[in-house]
Amino acid sequence: MSITDFVFAPQVQPSVAVRGSRQRYAVQRIFCVGRNYAAHAREMGGNPDREPPFYFTKPANALLPSGSVMAYPPGTQNLHYEMELVVAIGAPVFRVTPQAAGAAVWGYAAGLDMTRRDLQAEAKAAGRPWDTAKGFENSAVITELVPLAETGELKAGAITLAVNGSEKQRGDLSDMIWSVPEIIANLSQFYHLQPGDLIYTGTPEGVGAVKPGDRLSGRIEGLGELSLEIGAAD
């Protein structure tokens, strides 16, 4: 008998591939920033001003590699895409300043925050949490991570998404209401951030619905490309 005898075998550690390496980045938590682009905040009926950022989370096993086929999830008739810059934390930080927060960045990826928009609207109307709308299986699509040493700090650059070859989202990383260091600093007021934490940093305007058979392609300048196909209903 082993020292720890589990009732069921533990699940495989969620992780993300690292570009140009056999190593993988083990993921513990996924934080997501809501409404971090002014135009998207207006699009969703929110305030585009610089009010304090707010967050929601996804489980680590929601990760889905770019290039996959995502089964259309149950419980929704309105599945939406949200193209985002993803930040991987590489050093412990707690109650850090924005000036010091940049040192905690290990690397970046492109990601999709997939959302059951109808369930989110129902939750908003009832003042309830967004978990069923945001935290479902395969809802955190992600490319390979690229180390900061290869990209440098990503402060600006086009972020785009197309569906079936038709562009739907276009923005610039410089349009973020809260920059990456500011997000890390603010989030660290509430959590002891650690290596293994991913932060999805918000999406530009142009979010919309997809259906089975749709093909999504996204790109972040200086980082790389993302792809996803929507499969039949699960």
Protein backbone atom coordinates (compact mmCIF):
# COMPACT_ATOMS: atom_id res chain seq x y z
CA MET A 1 0.00 0.00 0.00
CA SER A 2 1.30 3.46 -0.87
CA ILE A 3 1.72 6.20 1.71
CA THR A 4 -1.39 7.89 0.31
CA ASP A 5 -4.06 5.41 -0.69
CA PHE A 6 -6.65 7.27 -2.79
CA VAL A 7 -10.22 6.01 -3.15
CA PHE A 8 -9.97 6.85 -6.86
CA ALA A 9 -6.83 7.44 -8.90
CA PRO A 10 -6.00 11.18 -9.04
CA GLN A 11 -6.74 12.98 -12.29
CA VAL A 12 -3.88 13.85 -14.62
CA GLN A 13 -2.30 17.21 -13.76
CA PRO A 14 -3.69 19.87 -16.14
CA SER A 15 -0.88 21.51 -18.07
CA VAL A 16 -0.07 23.62 -21.13
CA ALA A 17 2.59 22.95 -23.73
CA VAL A 18 5.56 25.32 -23.97
CA ARG A 19 6.66 26.36 -27.44
CA GLY A 20 9.98 24.84 -28.47
CA SER A 21 10.26 22.69 -25.36
CA ARG A 22 9.34 19.24 -24.10
CA GLN A 23 8.49 20.79 -20.76
CA ARG A 24 4.94 21.66 -19.81
CA TYR A 25 3.50 24.35 -17.53
CA ALA A 26 1.44 22.74 -14.74
CA VAL A 27 -1.78 24.70 -14.15
CA GLN A 28 -3.41 25.08 -10.74
CA ARG A 29 -5.87 27.96 -11.19
CA ILE A 30 -7.40 30.01 -14.00
CA PHE A 31 -8.45 33.59 -13.28
CA CYS A 32 -10.37 35.65 -15.85
CA VAL A 33 -10.80 39.43 -15.97
CA GLY A 34 -14.24 40.72 -16.89
CA ARG A 35 -14.79 43.66 -19.25
CA ASN A 36 -11.21 44.84 -19.60
CA TYR A 37 -11.69 46.58 -22.97
CA ALA A 38 -13.87 49.71 -23.00
CA ALA A 39 -15.67 48.87 -26.25
CA HIS A 40 -16.51 45.36 -25.00
CA ALA A 41 -17.74 46.79 -21.68
CA ARG A 42 -20.16 48.99 -23.63
CA GLU A 43 -21.08 46.04 -25.86
CA MET A 44 -22.10 44.06 -22.77
CA GLY A 45 -24.04 46.96 -21.25
CA GLY A 46 -21.38 47.80 -18.67
CA ASN A 47 -19.37 50.83 -17.62
CA PRO A 48 -16.26 51.45 -19.77
CA ASP A 49 -14.68 53.68 -17.13
CA ARG A 50 -11.74 52.57 -15.02
CA GLU A 51 -13.73 51.00 -12.22
CA PRO A 52 -11.88 48.33 -10.19
CA PRO A 53 -11.39 45.09 -12.15
CA PHE A 54 -13.52 42.07 -11.32
CA TYR A 55 -12.79 38.39 -11.80
CA PHE A 56 -14.29 34.98 -12.30
CA THR A 57 -12.56 31.61 -12.40
CA LYS A 58 -12.48 28.43 -14.44
CA PRO A 59 -11.28 25.03 -13.23
CA ALA A 60 -7.88 23.95 -14.48
CA ASN A 61 -9.46 20.95 -16.23
CA ALA A 62 -11.40 23.40 -18.46
CA LEU A 63 -8.22 23.80 -20.56
CA LEU A 64 -8.44 22.75 -24.21
CA PRO A 65 -5.44 22.96 -26.57
CA SER A 66 -5.64 25.14 -29.65
CA GLY A 67 -6.28 23.05 -32.74
CA SER A 68 -8.90 20.90 -31.00
CA VAL A 69 -12.51 20.15 -31.86
CA MET A 70 -14.74 21.40 -29.05
CA ALA A 71 -18.04 19.56 -28.63
CA TYR A 72 -20.93 22.04 -28.48
CA PRO A 73 -21.61 22.07 -24.72
CA PRO A 74 -24.88 21.04 -23.08
CA GLY A 75 -27.34 23.45 -21.51
CA THR A 76 -26.92 26.33 -23.97
CA GLN A 77 -28.29 27.63 -27.23
CA ASN A 78 -25.91 30.61 -27.35
CA LEU A 79 -22.22 29.65 -27.15
CA HIS A 80 -19.92 32.69 -27.51
CA TYR A 81 -16.21 33.17 -28.20
CA GLU A 82 -13.99 35.73 -26.43
CA MET A 83 -10.42 36.08 -27.76
CA GLU A 84 -7.89 36.94 -25.03
CA LEU A 85 -4.25 37.35 -24.06
CA VAL A 86 -3.34 34.79 -21.39
CA VAL A 87 -0.62 35.46 -18.82
CA ALA A 88 1.24 32.67 -17.00
CA ILE A 89 2.58 33.48 -13.54
CA GLY A 90 6.13 32.34 -12.85
CA ALA A 91 6.93 33.67 -9.37
CA PRO A 92 5.01 33.96 -6.08
CA VAL A 93 3.48 37.40 -5.52
CA PHE A 94 1.22 38.74 -2.79
CA ARG A 95 0.14 42.35 -2.33
CA VAL A 96 2.62 43.45 -4.95
CA THR A 97 2.74 46.87 -6.64
CA PRO A 98 2.20 47.31 -10.40
CA GLN A 99 5.82 48.39 -10.68
CA ALA A 100 6.97 45.04 -9.27
CA ALA A 101 4.24 42.85 -10.80
CA GLY A 102 5.86 42.47 -14.21
CA ALA A 103 8.58 40.32 -12.70
CA ALA A 104 5.96 37.66 -11.94
CA VAL A 105 5.15 37.05 -15.63
CA TRP A 106 6.61 33.78 -16.94
CA GLY A 107 5.04 33.84 -20.38
CA TYR A 108 2.03 34.41 -22.59
CA ALA A 109 -0.47 32.50 -24.70
CA ALA A 110 -3.49 33.26 -26.82
CA GLY A 111 -6.77 31.94 -25.45
CA LEU A 112 -10.51 31.75 -25.88
CA ASP A 113 -12.89 32.23 -22.96
CA MET A 114 -15.86 30.24 -24.26
CA THR A 115 -19.13 31.33 -22.65
CA ARG A 116 -22.66 29.99 -22.42
CA ARG A 117 -24.07 33.49 -22.91
CA ASP A 118 -27.70 32.59 -22.29
CA LEU A 119 -26.83 31.07 -18.93
CA GLN A 120 -24.69 34.11 -18.09
CA ALA A 121 -27.60 36.44 -18.90
CA GLU A 122 -29.92 34.41 -16.67
CA ALA A 123 -27.37 34.49 -13.84
CA LYS A 124 -26.88 38.24 -14.17
CA ALA A 125 -30.62 38.87 -14.09
CA ALA A 126 -30.99 36.79 -10.94
CA GLY A 127 -27.85 38.17 -9.26
CA ARG A 128 -26.31 34.70 -9.21
CA PRO A 129 -22.76 33.42 -9.87
CA TRP A 130 -21.55 32.79 -13.42
CA ASP A 131 -20.06 29.33 -12.82
CA THR A 132 -22.29 27.36 -15.20
CA ALA A 133 -21.83 30.03 -17.87
CA LYS A 134 -18.04 30.24 -17.65
CA GLY A 135 -16.54 27.26 -15.82
CA PHE A 136 -17.55 24.29 -17.96
CA GLU A 137 -15.41 21.64 -19.63
CA ASN A 138 -13.22 22.81 -22.54
CA SER A 139 -14.17 26.45 -21.97
CA ALA A 140 -10.55 27.67 -21.63
CA VAL A 141 -8.97 27.20 -25.05
CA ILE A 142 -5.24 27.96 -25.11
CA THR A 143 -2.23 27.91 -27.43
CA GLU A 144 1.27 26.87 -26.42
CA LEU A 145 2.85 29.18 -23.88
CA VAL A 146 5.70 31.38 -25.06
CA PRO A 147 8.23 32.41 -22.39
CA LEU A 148 8.60 36.12 -21.66
CA ALA A 149 12.27 35.81 -22.58
CA GLU A 150 11.21 35.18 -26.19
CA THR A 151 8.41 37.73 -26.55
CA GLY A 152 9.43 40.58 -24.27
CA GLU A 153 6.68 42.40 -22.39
CA LEU A 154 3.51 42.50 -24.48
CA LYS A 155 2.08 45.98 -24.02
CA ALA A 156 0.62 46.51 -27.49
CA GLY A 157 -0.23 44.55 -30.60
CA ALA A 158 -3.27 43.54 -32.60
CA ILE A 159 -5.60 40.89 -31.17
CA THR A 160 -8.06 39.45 -33.68
CA LEU A 161 -10.52 36.61 -34.16
CA ALA A 162 -12.25 35.31 -37.29
CA VAL A 163 -15.10 32.82 -37.67
CA ASN A 164 -15.13 30.85 -40.93
CA GLY A 165 -12.66 33.35 -42.36
CA SER A 166 -14.75 36.43 -41.49
CA GLU A 167 -13.15 38.78 -38.96
CA LYS A 168 -15.34 39.32 -35.89
CA GLN A 169 -12.99 40.80 -33.27
CA ARG A 170 -10.18 43.31 -33.65
CA GLY A 171 -8.52 45.29 -30.89
CA ASP A 172 -5.10 46.11 -29.51
CA LEU A 173 -3.50 44.97 -26.27
CA SER A 174 -2.88 48.65 -25.53
CA ASP A 175 -6.68 49.08 -25.36
CA MET A 176 -6.91 47.13 -22.11
CA ILE A 177 -8.43 49.25 -19.33
CA TRP A 178 -6.14 47.52 -16.82
CA SER A 179 -2.65 46.55 -18.02
CA VAL A 180 -1.10 43.17 -17.22
CA PRO A 181 1.02 44.55 -14.32
CA GLU A 182 -2.03 46.34 -12.92
CA ILE A 183 -4.13 43.19 -13.15
CA ILE A 184 -1.48 41.11 -11.37
CA ALA A 185 -1.06 43.76 -8.68
CA ASN A 186 -4.80 44.03 -8.09
CA LEU A 187 -5.41 40.27 -8.09
CA SER A 188 -2.52 39.81 -5.66
CA GLN A 189 -4.41 41.88 -3.10
CA PHE A 190 -6.85 38.97 -2.80
CA TYR A 191 -4.76 35.87 -3.60
CA HIS A 192 -1.27 34.54 -3.07
CA LEU A 193 -0.48 34.17 -6.77
CA GLN A 194 1.83 31.27 -7.60
CA PRO A 195 3.51 29.58 -10.56
CA GLY A 196 0.73 27.54 -12.12
CA ASP A 197 -1.77 30.42 -12.16
CA LEU A 198 -3.10 31.59 -15.53
CA ILE A 199 -4.85 34.92 -16.08
CA TYR A 200 -7.17 35.47 -19.05
CA THR A 201 -7.00 39.25 -19.43
CA GLY A 202 -10.28 40.16 -21.16
CA THR A 203 -11.59 40.45 -24.70
CA PRO A 204 -12.14 43.19 -27.30
CA GLU A 205 -15.57 43.97 -28.72
CA GLY A 206 -17.20 41.77 -31.33
CA VAL A 207 -18.06 38.68 -29.27
CA GLY A 208 -20.71 36.49 -30.81
CA ALA A 209 -22.30 33.08 -31.15
CA VAL A 210 -20.93 30.01 -32.88
CA LYS A 211 -22.57 26.78 -34.00
CA PRO A 212 -21.41 23.25 -34.83
CA GLY A 213 -19.18 23.24 -37.88
CA ASP A 214 -17.78 26.74 -37.30
CA ARG A 215 -14.02 27.22 -37.46
CA LEU A 216 -12.39 29.91 -35.32
CA SER A 217 -8.96 31.41 -35.93
CA GLY A 218 -7.37 34.00 -33.67
CA ARG A 219 -4.08 35.83 -33.59
CA ILE A 220 -2.13 38.03 -31.20
CA GLU A 221 0.64 40.09 -32.79
CA GLY A 222 4.06 39.02 -31.62
CA LEU A 223 2.71 35.86 -30.03
CA GLY A 224 1.02 33.47 -32.42
CA GLU A 225 -2.17 31.97 -33.74
CA LEU A 226 -5.04 29.96 -32.28
CA SER A 227 -7.55 27.68 -33.95
CA LEU A 228 -10.69 25.84 -32.84
CA GLU A 229 -13.48 23.89 -34.52
CA ILE A 230 -16.94 23.64 -32.97
CA GLY A 231 -18.15 20.05 -33.08
CA ALA A 232 -21.54 18.43 -32.72
CA ALA A 233 -23.49 18.73 -29.49
CA ASP A 234 -22.07 16.79 -26.57
